[in-house]
Amino acid sequence: MSQDKIAAHFQLSLAAMTAAAGDATLLAASRAIAAASIKALEQGRKILLAGNGGSAADAQHIAAEIIGRYKRDRAAWPAVALTTDTSALTAIANDYGFERVFARQVEGLGQPGDVFIGITTSGRSPNILAALEVARQRGLVTVGMTGPSGGSMGALCDHLLIAPGPETALVQQIHLMAAHAICDEIEVVLGKPAP
């Protein structure tokens, strides 16, 4: 490995992406998440997303690709990042505790047939696990994106994408790469030119 930290990071990223590209389980999970998202959007449902820290930014990024566009001009589809409303986040955290910040929003916004995507590199974030529990109770399709440990979220997820990265930053890079591939698949299948 190079003594140059920048070059070393690029090499680690390349190795992680190569491992992900050859991971049949990860690819199958990505296809299943795309199919579930397509089905929900076809039926007039929405996609809700949540994460903490860098994964919160990823949730926002993915929601923007769905409601805005990824590569193609087409009609907007409903996607909401539950990480963006500071009034809701702070009120819920203050009144119910930080573990409920996403669960309470899923309870208020989620409908049967919607998709909830919870992103946690450790698989152990209490607020993501609580949101997955509520999503499952309310009849949403539950999706988890996590790292190699998987934590305890697998039992709460209809679809679980496990990134094979050796560290958090690489797991997040794989999550975003998979999310872009999912967005591309959604647009290929559903994309119609914008009116």
N, C-alpha and C. Protein backbone atom coordinates (compact mmCIF):
# COMPACT_ATOMS: atom_id res chain seq x y z
N MET A 1 0.85 -1.18 0.00
CA MET A 1 0.00 0.00 0.00
C MET A 1 0.89 1.24 0.00
N SER A 2 0.48 2.25 -0.69
CA SER A 2 1.24 3.48 -0.84
C SER A 2 1.39 4.20 0.50
N GLN A 3 2.53 4.90 0.68
CA GLN A 3 2.72 5.76 1.85
C GLN A 3 1.90 7.04 1.72
N ASP A 4 1.50 7.35 0.50
CA ASP A 4 0.67 8.51 0.23
C ASP A 4 -0.75 8.20 0.69
N LYS A 5 -1.21 8.89 1.74
CA LYS A 5 -2.51 8.59 2.34
C LYS A 5 -3.66 8.80 1.35
N ILE A 6 -3.54 9.79 0.50
CA ILE A 6 -4.59 10.05 -0.49
C ILE A 6 -4.67 8.88 -1.47
N ALA A 7 -3.51 8.51 -2.02
CA ALA A 7 -3.48 7.39 -2.97
C ALA A 7 -3.93 6.09 -2.29
N ALA A 8 -3.54 5.92 -1.02
CA ALA A 8 -3.93 4.71 -0.29
C ALA A 8 -5.45 4.63 -0.14
N HIS A 9 -6.07 5.77 0.13
CA HIS A 9 -7.53 5.77 0.25
C HIS A 9 -8.18 5.39 -1.08
N PHE A 10 -7.66 5.93 -2.17
CA PHE A 10 -8.21 5.57 -3.48
C PHE A 10 -8.05 4.07 -3.74
N GLN A 11 -6.93 3.50 -3.35
CA GLN A 11 -6.71 2.07 -3.54
C GLN A 11 -7.67 1.24 -2.69
N LEU A 12 -7.87 1.67 -1.44
CA LEU A 12 -8.83 0.96 -0.58
C LEU A 12 -10.25 1.07 -1.15
N SER A 13 -10.59 2.25 -1.65
CA SER A 13 -11.92 2.44 -2.23
C SER A 13 -12.11 1.55 -3.45
N LEU A 14 -11.08 1.50 -4.30
CA LEU A 14 -11.14 0.66 -5.49
C LEU A 14 -11.33 -0.81 -5.11
N ALA A 15 -10.59 -1.26 -4.10
CA ALA A 15 -10.70 -2.65 -3.66
C ALA A 15 -12.11 -2.93 -3.11
N ALA A 16 -12.65 -1.98 -2.34
CA ALA A 16 -13.99 -2.16 -1.77
C ALA A 16 -15.05 -2.18 -2.87
N MET A 17 -14.93 -1.29 -3.85
CA MET A 17 -15.89 -1.25 -4.95
C MET A 17 -15.81 -2.51 -5.80
N THR A 18 -14.60 -3.00 -6.01
CA THR A 18 -14.41 -4.23 -6.78
C THR A 18 -15.05 -5.41 -6.04
N ALA A 19 -14.83 -5.46 -4.73
CA ALA A 19 -15.45 -6.52 -3.92
C ALA A 19 -16.97 -6.43 -4.00
N ALA A 20 -17.51 -5.21 -3.92
CA ALA A 20 -18.96 -5.03 -3.99
C ALA A 20 -19.51 -5.44 -5.35
N ALA A 21 -18.78 -5.10 -6.41
CA ALA A 21 -19.24 -5.42 -7.77
C ALA A 21 -19.30 -6.93 -8.00
N GLY A 22 -18.50 -7.69 -7.25
CA GLY A 22 -18.49 -9.14 -7.38
C GLY A 22 -19.29 -9.86 -6.31
N ASP A 23 -19.99 -9.11 -5.47
CA ASP A 23 -20.73 -9.70 -4.35
C ASP A 23 -22.15 -10.02 -4.81
N ALA A 24 -22.42 -11.29 -5.10
CA ALA A 24 -23.71 -11.71 -5.64
C ALA A 24 -24.87 -11.37 -4.70
N THR A 25 -24.64 -11.48 -3.40
CA THR A 25 -25.70 -11.18 -2.43
C THR A 25 -26.03 -9.70 -2.43
N LEU A 26 -25.02 -8.85 -2.47
CA LEU A 26 -25.24 -7.41 -2.52
C LEU A 26 -25.96 -7.02 -3.81
N LEU A 27 -25.56 -7.58 -4.92
CA LEU A 27 -26.22 -7.28 -6.20
C LEU A 27 -27.67 -7.73 -6.19
N ALA A 28 -27.93 -8.91 -5.63
CA ALA A 28 -29.31 -9.40 -5.55
C ALA A 28 -30.16 -8.50 -4.66
N ALA A 29 -29.58 -8.04 -3.54
CA ALA A 29 -30.31 -7.13 -2.65
C ALA A 29 -30.60 -5.81 -3.35
N SER A 30 -29.64 -5.31 -4.11
CA SER A 30 -29.85 -4.06 -4.85
C SER A 30 -30.98 -4.21 -5.86
N ARG A 31 -31.00 -5.32 -6.57
CA ARG A 31 -32.08 -5.57 -7.54
C ARG A 31 -33.44 -5.67 -6.83
N ALA A 32 -33.46 -6.34 -5.69
CA ALA A 32 -34.72 -6.49 -4.94
C ALA A 32 -35.22 -5.15 -4.41
N ILE A 33 -34.30 -4.30 -3.95
CA ILE A 33 -34.68 -2.97 -3.47
C ILE A 33 -35.21 -2.13 -4.62
N ALA A 34 -34.57 -2.21 -5.77
CA ALA A 34 -35.05 -1.49 -6.95
C ALA A 34 -36.45 -1.97 -7.33
N ALA A 35 -36.66 -3.29 -7.34
CA ALA A 35 -37.97 -3.83 -7.71
C ALA A 35 -39.05 -3.41 -6.71
N ALA A 36 -38.74 -3.43 -5.42
CA ALA A 36 -39.71 -3.00 -4.41
C ALA A 36 -40.03 -1.52 -4.55
N SER A 37 -39.02 -0.72 -4.85
CA SER A 37 -39.22 0.72 -5.03
C SER A 37 -40.07 0.99 -6.27
N ILE A 38 -39.78 0.28 -7.34
CA ILE A 38 -40.56 0.42 -8.58
C ILE A 38 -42.02 0.07 -8.33
N LYS A 39 -42.25 -1.05 -7.66
CA LYS A 39 -43.62 -1.48 -7.37
C LYS A 39 -44.35 -0.42 -6.54
N ALA A 40 -43.69 0.11 -5.51
CA ALA A 40 -44.32 1.12 -4.67
C ALA A 40 -44.65 2.38 -5.48
N LEU A 41 -43.72 2.84 -6.27
CA LEU A 41 -43.95 4.06 -7.05
C LEU A 41 -45.03 3.85 -8.10
N GLU A 42 -45.06 2.67 -8.71
CA GLU A 42 -46.12 2.35 -9.69
C GLU A 42 -47.50 2.40 -9.04
N GLN A 43 -47.56 2.05 -7.77
CA GLN A 43 -48.83 2.01 -7.05
C GLN A 43 -49.16 3.33 -6.35
N GLY A 44 -48.39 4.38 -6.66
CA GLY A 44 -48.64 5.69 -6.07
C GLY A 44 -48.17 5.83 -4.64
N ARG A 45 -47.28 4.94 -4.21
CA ARG A 45 -46.73 4.99 -2.86
C ARG A 45 -45.46 5.85 -2.85
N LYS A 46 -44.87 5.98 -1.69
CA LYS A 46 -43.69 6.82 -1.55
C LYS A 46 -42.54 6.05 -0.91
N ILE A 47 -41.37 6.67 -0.97
CA ILE A 47 -40.16 6.11 -0.36
C ILE A 47 -39.72 7.06 0.74
N LEU A 48 -39.57 6.53 1.94
CA LEU A 48 -39.07 7.27 3.10
C LEU A 48 -37.67 6.76 3.42
N LEU A 49 -36.77 7.68 3.77
CA LEU A 49 -35.39 7.28 4.05
C LEU A 49 -34.89 7.97 5.32
N ALA A 50 -33.98 7.29 6.03
CA ALA A 50 -33.39 7.88 7.23
C ALA A 50 -32.02 7.27 7.50
N GLY A 51 -31.18 8.06 8.13
CA GLY A 51 -29.86 7.62 8.56
C GLY A 51 -29.29 8.67 9.49
N ASN A 52 -28.14 8.38 10.09
CA ASN A 52 -27.47 9.30 11.00
C ASN A 52 -26.13 9.72 10.41
N GLY A 53 -25.72 10.95 10.67
CA GLY A 53 -24.41 11.42 10.21
C GLY A 53 -24.28 11.37 8.70
N GLY A 54 -23.22 10.71 8.22
CA GLY A 54 -23.02 10.57 6.79
C GLY A 54 -24.17 9.83 6.12
N SER A 55 -24.77 8.90 6.85
CA SER A 55 -25.91 8.15 6.30
C SER A 55 -27.15 9.03 6.20
N ALA A 56 -27.24 10.07 7.04
CA ALA A 56 -28.33 11.05 6.90
C ALA A 56 -28.16 11.81 5.60
N ALA A 57 -26.92 12.18 5.30
CA ALA A 57 -26.64 12.86 4.04
C ALA A 57 -26.95 11.95 2.86
N ASP A 58 -26.63 10.66 2.99
CA ASP A 58 -26.96 9.70 1.93
C ASP A 58 -28.47 9.58 1.74
N ALA A 59 -29.22 9.57 2.84
CA ALA A 59 -30.68 9.49 2.74
C ALA A 59 -31.22 10.69 1.96
N GLN A 60 -30.69 11.88 2.26
CA GLN A 60 -31.11 13.09 1.56
C GLN A 60 -30.72 13.02 0.08
N HIS A 61 -29.52 12.55 -0.18
CA HIS A 61 -29.01 12.44 -1.54
C HIS A 61 -29.91 11.51 -2.37
N ILE A 62 -30.23 10.36 -1.81
CA ILE A 62 -31.05 9.38 -2.53
C ILE A 62 -32.46 9.94 -2.77
N ALA A 63 -33.04 10.56 -1.75
CA ALA A 63 -34.37 11.15 -1.90
C ALA A 63 -34.37 12.19 -3.01
N ALA A 64 -33.32 12.99 -3.08
CA ALA A 64 -33.22 14.02 -4.12
C ALA A 64 -33.14 13.41 -5.51
N GLU A 65 -32.44 12.28 -5.64
CA GLU A 65 -32.34 11.61 -6.94
C GLU A 65 -33.70 11.09 -7.39
N ILE A 66 -34.53 10.67 -6.43
CA ILE A 66 -35.83 10.09 -6.77
C ILE A 66 -36.87 11.18 -7.05
N ILE A 67 -36.94 12.18 -6.19
CA ILE A 67 -37.97 13.20 -6.39
C ILE A 67 -37.57 14.19 -7.48
N GLY A 68 -36.28 14.43 -7.63
CA GLY A 68 -35.78 15.31 -8.69
C GLY A 68 -35.56 14.51 -9.96
N ARG A 69 -34.34 14.08 -10.12
CA ARG A 69 -34.00 13.16 -11.21
C ARG A 69 -32.62 12.60 -10.93
N TYR A 70 -32.37 11.46 -11.53
CA TYR A 70 -31.02 10.88 -11.47
C TYR A 70 -30.29 11.24 -12.76
N LYS A 71 -30.70 10.66 -13.88
CA LYS A 71 -30.07 10.96 -15.16
C LYS A 71 -31.06 11.48 -16.20
N ARG A 72 -32.33 11.14 -16.03
CA ARG A 72 -33.31 11.40 -17.09
C ARG A 72 -34.36 12.42 -16.65
N ASP A 73 -34.78 13.27 -17.58
CA ASP A 73 -35.93 14.13 -17.32
C ASP A 73 -37.17 13.25 -17.35
N ARG A 74 -37.94 13.31 -16.30
CA ARG A 74 -39.14 12.48 -16.18
C ARG A 74 -40.00 13.07 -15.07
N ALA A 75 -41.18 12.51 -14.87
CA ALA A 75 -42.06 12.96 -13.81
C ALA A 75 -41.38 12.76 -12.45
N ALA A 76 -41.74 13.61 -11.49
CA ALA A 76 -41.21 13.47 -10.12
C ALA A 76 -41.90 12.31 -9.41
N TRP A 77 -41.14 11.62 -8.55
CA TRP A 77 -41.71 10.55 -7.73
C TRP A 77 -41.54 10.92 -6.26
N PRO A 78 -42.47 10.49 -5.40
CA PRO A 78 -42.42 10.89 -4.00
C PRO A 78 -41.36 10.16 -3.18
N ALA A 79 -40.45 10.95 -2.63
CA ALA A 79 -39.42 10.42 -1.74
C ALA A 79 -39.12 11.48 -0.69
N VAL A 80 -39.01 11.07 0.56
CA VAL A 80 -38.81 12.00 1.66
C VAL A 80 -37.68 11.49 2.55
N ALA A 81 -36.69 12.34 2.77
CA ALA A 81 -35.65 12.04 3.76
C ALA A 81 -36.14 12.54 5.11
N LEU A 82 -36.25 11.66 6.07
CA LEU A 82 -36.77 12.00 7.39
C LEU A 82 -35.71 12.70 8.25
N THR A 83 -34.60 13.05 7.65
CA THR A 83 -33.48 13.65 8.35
C THR A 83 -33.43 15.17 8.20
N THR A 84 -34.38 15.75 7.47
CA THR A 84 -34.23 17.15 7.05
C THR A 84 -35.08 18.16 7.80
N ASP A 85 -36.13 17.73 8.46
CA ASP A 85 -37.03 18.67 9.12
C ASP A 85 -36.55 18.91 10.55
N THR A 86 -35.80 19.99 10.75
CA THR A 86 -35.20 20.23 12.07
C THR A 86 -36.24 20.47 13.16
N SER A 87 -37.37 21.06 12.80
CA SER A 87 -38.41 21.27 13.81
C SER A 87 -38.96 19.93 14.29
N ALA A 88 -39.25 19.02 13.34
CA ALA A 88 -39.75 17.70 13.73
C ALA A 88 -38.68 16.93 14.50
N LEU A 89 -37.44 16.94 14.00
CA LEU A 89 -36.37 16.19 14.67
C LEU A 89 -36.17 16.66 16.11
N THR A 90 -36.12 17.97 16.31
CA THR A 90 -35.84 18.47 17.66
C THR A 90 -37.05 18.32 18.57
N ALA A 91 -38.26 18.52 18.04
CA ALA A 91 -39.45 18.35 18.87
C ALA A 91 -39.60 16.89 19.31
N ILE A 92 -39.44 15.98 18.34
CA ILE A 92 -39.59 14.55 18.67
C ILE A 92 -38.51 14.11 19.63
N ALA A 93 -37.27 14.52 19.38
CA ALA A 93 -36.17 14.14 20.28
C ALA A 93 -36.40 14.69 21.67
N ASN A 94 -36.89 15.92 21.77
CA ASN A 94 -37.15 16.54 23.06
C ASN A 94 -38.28 15.84 23.80
N ASP A 95 -39.35 15.52 23.08
CA ASP A 95 -40.54 14.96 23.73
C ASP A 95 -40.50 13.44 23.92
N TYR A 96 -39.85 12.74 22.98
CA TYR A 96 -39.89 11.27 23.00
C TYR A 96 -38.52 10.61 23.09
N GLY A 97 -37.45 11.38 22.93
CA GLY A 97 -36.11 10.83 22.95
C GLY A 97 -35.58 10.64 21.53
N PHE A 98 -34.26 10.71 21.38
CA PHE A 98 -33.66 10.66 20.05
C PHE A 98 -33.91 9.32 19.35
N GLU A 99 -34.13 8.27 20.13
CA GLU A 99 -34.40 6.96 19.53
C GLU A 99 -35.70 6.94 18.73
N ARG A 100 -36.59 7.92 18.95
CA ARG A 100 -37.89 7.93 18.28
C ARG A 100 -37.97 8.93 17.12
N VAL A 101 -36.86 9.63 16.79
CA VAL A 101 -36.95 10.72 15.81
C VAL A 101 -37.43 10.25 14.44
N PHE A 102 -37.09 9.05 14.05
CA PHE A 102 -37.53 8.54 12.74
C PHE A 102 -38.80 7.69 12.88
N ALA A 103 -38.91 6.94 13.95
CA ALA A 103 -40.09 6.10 14.15
C ALA A 103 -41.36 6.94 14.19
N ARG A 104 -41.30 8.06 14.88
CA ARG A 104 -42.47 8.93 14.98
C ARG A 104 -42.87 9.48 13.61
N GLN A 105 -41.88 9.81 12.79
CA GLN A 105 -42.18 10.31 11.44
C GLN A 105 -42.74 9.20 10.55
N VAL A 106 -42.20 7.98 10.68
CA VAL A 106 -42.76 6.85 9.93
C VAL A 106 -44.20 6.61 10.35
N GLU A 107 -44.46 6.73 11.65
CA GLU A 107 -45.82 6.55 12.16
C GLU A 107 -46.77 7.58 11.55
N GLY A 108 -46.31 8.81 11.39
CA GLY A 108 -47.17 9.87 10.87
C GLY A 108 -47.27 9.91 9.36
N LEU A 109 -46.21 9.51 8.66
CA LEU A 109 -46.17 9.64 7.20
C LEU A 109 -46.31 8.33 6.45
N GLY A 110 -45.94 7.23 7.08
CA GLY A 110 -45.90 5.95 6.38
C GLY A 110 -47.28 5.34 6.18
N GLN A 111 -47.47 4.77 5.00
CA GLN A 111 -48.71 4.07 4.66
C GLN A 111 -48.36 2.68 4.16
N PRO A 112 -49.28 1.72 4.30
CA PRO A 112 -49.00 0.38 3.77
C PRO A 112 -48.62 0.46 2.29
N GLY A 113 -47.57 -0.27 1.93
CA GLY A 113 -47.10 -0.27 0.55
C GLY A 113 -45.99 0.72 0.27
N ASP A 114 -45.79 1.70 1.18
CA ASP A 114 -44.63 2.59 1.05
C ASP A 114 -43.36 1.77 1.32
N VAL A 115 -42.23 2.35 0.98
CA VAL A 115 -40.93 1.73 1.27
C VAL A 115 -40.21 2.60 2.29
N PHE A 116 -39.69 1.99 3.34
CA PHE A 116 -38.82 2.70 4.28
C PHE A 116 -37.41 2.14 4.15
N ILE A 117 -36.45 3.02 3.90
CA ILE A 117 -35.04 2.63 3.79
C ILE A 117 -34.29 3.22 4.97
N GLY A 118 -33.80 2.35 5.85
CA GLY A 118 -33.01 2.75 7.00
C GLY A 118 -31.54 2.45 6.75
N ILE A 119 -30.70 3.45 6.92
CA ILE A 119 -29.27 3.32 6.61
C ILE A 119 -28.47 3.46 7.90
N THR A 120 -27.71 2.43 8.24
CA THR A 120 -26.83 2.46 9.41
C THR A 120 -25.65 1.55 9.14
N THR A 121 -24.45 2.12 9.14
CA THR A 121 -23.27 1.32 8.79
C THR A 121 -23.02 0.22 9.83
N SER A 122 -23.41 0.45 11.08
CA SER A 122 -23.19 -0.56 12.13
C SER A 122 -24.33 -1.57 12.18
N GLY A 123 -25.51 -1.18 11.70
CA GLY A 123 -26.68 -2.03 11.84
C GLY A 123 -27.28 -1.99 13.23
N ARG A 124 -26.77 -1.09 14.08
CA ARG A 124 -27.21 -1.06 15.48
C ARG A 124 -27.80 0.28 15.92
N SER A 125 -27.99 1.23 15.03
CA SER A 125 -28.50 2.54 15.43
C SER A 125 -29.92 2.40 16.00
N PRO A 126 -30.11 2.73 17.28
CA PRO A 126 -31.44 2.52 17.89
C PRO A 126 -32.56 3.26 17.17
N ASN A 127 -32.29 4.46 16.65
CA ASN A 127 -33.38 5.20 16.00
C ASN A 127 -33.75 4.59 14.65
N ILE A 128 -32.81 3.96 13.97
CA ILE A 128 -33.12 3.27 12.71
C ILE A 128 -33.87 1.97 13.01
N LEU A 129 -33.44 1.24 14.02
CA LEU A 129 -34.12 -0.01 14.38
C LEU A 129 -35.56 0.27 14.82
N ALA A 130 -35.77 1.34 15.59
CA ALA A 130 -37.12 1.69 16.03
C ALA A 130 -37.99 2.05 14.83
N ALA A 131 -37.42 2.78 13.86
CA ALA A 131 -38.19 3.16 12.66
C ALA A 131 -38.53 1.93 11.83
N LEU A 132 -37.61 0.99 11.73
CA LEU A 132 -37.89 -0.25 11.00
C LEU A 132 -39.02 -1.04 11.67
N GLU A 133 -39.02 -1.07 13.00
CA GLU A 133 -40.09 -1.76 13.73
C GLU A 133 -41.44 -1.14 13.43
N VAL A 134 -41.53 0.19 13.48
CA VAL A 134 -42.79 0.87 13.20
C VAL A 134 -43.19 0.66 11.75
N ALA A 135 -42.22 0.75 10.83
CA ALA A 135 -42.51 0.55 9.41
C ALA A 135 -43.09 -0.84 9.18
N ARG A 136 -42.51 -1.83 9.81
CA ARG A 136 -43.01 -3.20 9.66
C ARG A 136 -44.42 -3.33 10.22
N GLN A 137 -44.67 -2.74 11.38
CA GLN A 137 -46.01 -2.79 11.99
C GLN A 137 -47.05 -2.12 11.11
N ARG A 138 -46.67 -1.08 10.39
CA ARG A 138 -47.61 -0.31 9.57
C ARG A 138 -47.73 -0.85 8.14
N GLY A 139 -47.02 -1.92 7.81
CA GLY A 139 -47.16 -2.53 6.50
C GLY A 139 -46.32 -1.91 5.40
N LEU A 140 -45.25 -1.22 5.78
CA LEU A 140 -44.32 -0.70 4.79
C LEU A 140 -43.34 -1.80 4.40
N VAL A 141 -42.79 -1.70 3.22
CA VAL A 141 -41.68 -2.57 2.82
C VAL A 141 -40.46 -2.02 3.53
N THR A 142 -39.75 -2.87 4.28
CA THR A 142 -38.61 -2.41 5.07
C THR A 142 -37.30 -2.80 4.40
N VAL A 143 -36.43 -1.80 4.27
CA VAL A 143 -35.14 -1.98 3.63
C VAL A 143 -34.06 -1.49 4.58
N GLY A 144 -33.01 -2.26 4.73
CA GLY A 144 -31.86 -1.84 5.52
C GLY A 144 -30.62 -1.80 4.65
N MET A 145 -29.80 -0.79 4.89
CA MET A 145 -28.48 -0.71 4.26
C MET A 145 -27.48 -0.60 5.40
N THR A 146 -26.53 -1.54 5.44
CA THR A 146 -25.62 -1.62 6.57
C THR A 146 -24.24 -2.07 6.11
N GLY A 147 -23.36 -2.28 7.10
CA GLY A 147 -22.00 -2.75 6.85
C GLY A 147 -21.85 -4.23 7.16
N PRO A 148 -20.61 -4.71 7.17
CA PRO A 148 -20.36 -6.15 7.29
C PRO A 148 -20.96 -6.82 8.52
N SER A 149 -21.06 -6.10 9.64
CA SER A 149 -21.59 -6.74 10.85
C SER A 149 -23.09 -6.97 10.73
N GLY A 150 -23.78 -6.08 10.03
CA GLY A 150 -25.22 -6.23 9.86
C GLY A 150 -26.02 -5.91 11.11
N GLY A 151 -25.36 -5.91 12.27
CA GLY A 151 -26.05 -5.63 13.52
C GLY A 151 -27.26 -6.53 13.69
N SER A 152 -28.31 -5.97 14.25
CA SER A 152 -29.52 -6.76 14.51
C SER A 152 -30.67 -6.36 13.60
N MET A 153 -30.38 -5.62 12.53
CA MET A 153 -31.47 -5.11 11.71
C MET A 153 -32.03 -6.12 10.73
N GLY A 154 -31.30 -7.18 10.44
CA GLY A 154 -31.75 -8.15 9.45
C GLY A 154 -33.14 -8.69 9.70
N ALA A 155 -33.48 -8.95 10.97
CA ALA A 155 -34.79 -9.51 11.31
C ALA A 155 -35.92 -8.52 11.05
N LEU A 156 -35.58 -7.23 10.91
CA LEU A 156 -36.61 -6.20 10.70
C LEU A 156 -36.75 -5.81 9.24
N CYS A 157 -35.94 -6.40 8.36
CA CYS A 157 -35.87 -5.94 6.97
C CYS A 157 -36.41 -6.99 5.99
N ASP A 158 -37.24 -6.51 5.07
CA ASP A 158 -37.64 -7.36 3.95
C ASP A 158 -36.47 -7.53 2.99
N HIS A 159 -35.65 -6.49 2.88
CA HIS A 159 -34.47 -6.51 2.00
C HIS A 159 -33.32 -5.88 2.77
N LEU A 160 -32.18 -6.57 2.80
CA LEU A 160 -31.02 -6.09 3.53
C LEU A 160 -29.81 -6.05 2.61
N LEU A 161 -29.24 -4.85 2.45
CA LEU A 161 -28.04 -4.67 1.65
C LEU A 161 -26.86 -4.52 2.59
N ILE A 162 -25.93 -5.46 2.52
CA ILE A 162 -24.76 -5.45 3.40
C ILE A 162 -23.53 -5.10 2.56
N ALA A 163 -22.95 -3.94 2.83
CA ALA A 163 -21.76 -3.50 2.10
C ALA A 163 -20.52 -4.15 2.71
N PRO A 164 -19.62 -4.68 1.88
CA PRO A 164 -18.46 -5.41 2.40
C PRO A 164 -17.25 -4.52 2.72
N GLY A 165 -17.47 -3.28 3.06
CA GLY A 165 -16.34 -2.38 3.31
C GLY A 165 -15.68 -2.64 4.65
N PRO A 166 -14.35 -2.46 4.71
CA PRO A 166 -13.64 -2.70 5.96
C PRO A 166 -13.74 -1.54 6.95
N GLU A 167 -14.29 -0.39 6.53
CA GLU A 167 -14.43 0.75 7.44
C GLU A 167 -15.65 1.57 7.04
N THR A 168 -16.11 2.40 7.96
CA THR A 168 -17.36 3.15 7.77
C THR A 168 -17.38 3.94 6.48
N ALA A 169 -16.33 4.68 6.18
CA ALA A 169 -16.33 5.53 4.98
C ALA A 169 -16.51 4.69 3.72
N LEU A 170 -15.90 3.52 3.67
CA LEU A 170 -16.02 2.67 2.49
C LEU A 170 -17.41 2.04 2.40
N VAL A 171 -17.99 1.70 3.54
CA VAL A 171 -19.36 1.19 3.56
C VAL A 171 -20.30 2.26 2.99
N GLN A 172 -20.10 3.50 3.41
CA GLN A 172 -20.95 4.59 2.91
C GLN A 172 -20.77 4.79 1.41
N GLN A 173 -19.55 4.65 0.92
CA GLN A 173 -19.31 4.78 -0.52
C GLN A 173 -20.05 3.68 -1.29
N ILE A 174 -20.02 2.48 -0.76
CA ILE A 174 -20.72 1.36 -1.41
C ILE A 174 -22.23 1.59 -1.36
N HIS A 175 -22.74 2.09 -0.23
CA HIS A 175 -24.17 2.39 -0.13
C HIS A 175 -24.58 3.37 -1.22
N LEU A 176 -23.79 4.41 -1.40
CA LEU A 176 -24.15 5.42 -2.40
C LEU A 176 -24.03 4.86 -3.82
N MET A 177 -23.02 4.03 -4.06
CA MET A 177 -22.89 3.40 -5.38
C MET A 177 -24.10 2.51 -5.65
N ALA A 178 -24.51 1.71 -4.66
CA ALA A 178 -25.68 0.85 -4.82
C ALA A 178 -26.94 1.68 -5.02
N ALA A 179 -27.07 2.77 -4.26
CA ALA A 179 -28.24 3.64 -4.38
C ALA A 179 -28.32 4.24 -5.77
N HIS A 180 -27.19 4.66 -6.32
CA HIS A 180 -27.20 5.20 -7.68
C HIS A 180 -27.61 4.13 -8.69
N ALA A 181 -27.15 2.92 -8.50
CA ALA A 181 -27.55 1.83 -9.40
C ALA A 181 -29.05 1.57 -9.28
N ILE A 182 -29.58 1.63 -8.06
CA ILE A 182 -31.02 1.44 -7.83
C ILE A 182 -31.80 2.56 -8.51
N CYS A 183 -31.36 3.80 -8.33
CA CYS A 183 -32.03 4.95 -8.98
C CYS A 183 -32.01 4.80 -10.50
N ASP A 184 -30.90 4.32 -11.03
CA ASP A 184 -30.80 4.13 -12.47
C ASP A 184 -31.82 3.09 -12.94
N GLU A 185 -31.93 1.99 -12.20
CA GLU A 185 -32.90 0.94 -12.55
C GLU A 185 -34.33 1.47 -12.48
N ILE A 186 -34.63 2.25 -11.46
CA ILE A 186 -35.97 2.82 -11.33
C ILE A 186 -36.29 3.70 -12.54
N GLU A 187 -35.34 4.53 -12.92
CA GLU A 187 -35.58 5.42 -14.07
C GLU A 187 -35.71 4.66 -15.38
N VAL A 188 -34.93 3.62 -15.55
CA VAL A 188 -35.02 2.83 -16.79
C VAL A 188 -36.40 2.19 -16.90
N VAL A 189 -36.91 1.66 -15.78
CA VAL A 189 -38.19 0.96 -15.80
C VAL A 189 -39.38 1.92 -15.83
N LEU A 190 -39.32 2.97 -15.01
CA LEU A 190 -40.47 3.85 -14.85
C LEU A 190 -40.37 5.17 -15.61
N GLY A 191 -39.17 5.51 -16.04
CA GLY A 191 -38.95 6.85 -16.59
C GLY A 191 -39.77 7.15 -17.81
N LYS A 192 -40.57 8.18 -17.72
CA LYS A 192 -41.29 8.72 -18.86
C LYS A 192 -40.86 10.18 -18.95
N PRO A 193 -40.80 10.72 -20.13
CA PRO A 193 -40.41 12.13 -20.23
C PRO A 193 -41.30 13.03 -19.37
N ALA A 194 -40.70 14.06 -18.79
CA ALA A 194 -41.47 15.01 -18.00
C ALA A 194 -42.49 15.71 -18.89
N PRO A 195 -43.69 16.03 -18.34
CA PRO A 195 -44.72 16.68 -19.14
C PRO A 195 -44.29 18.09 -19.58
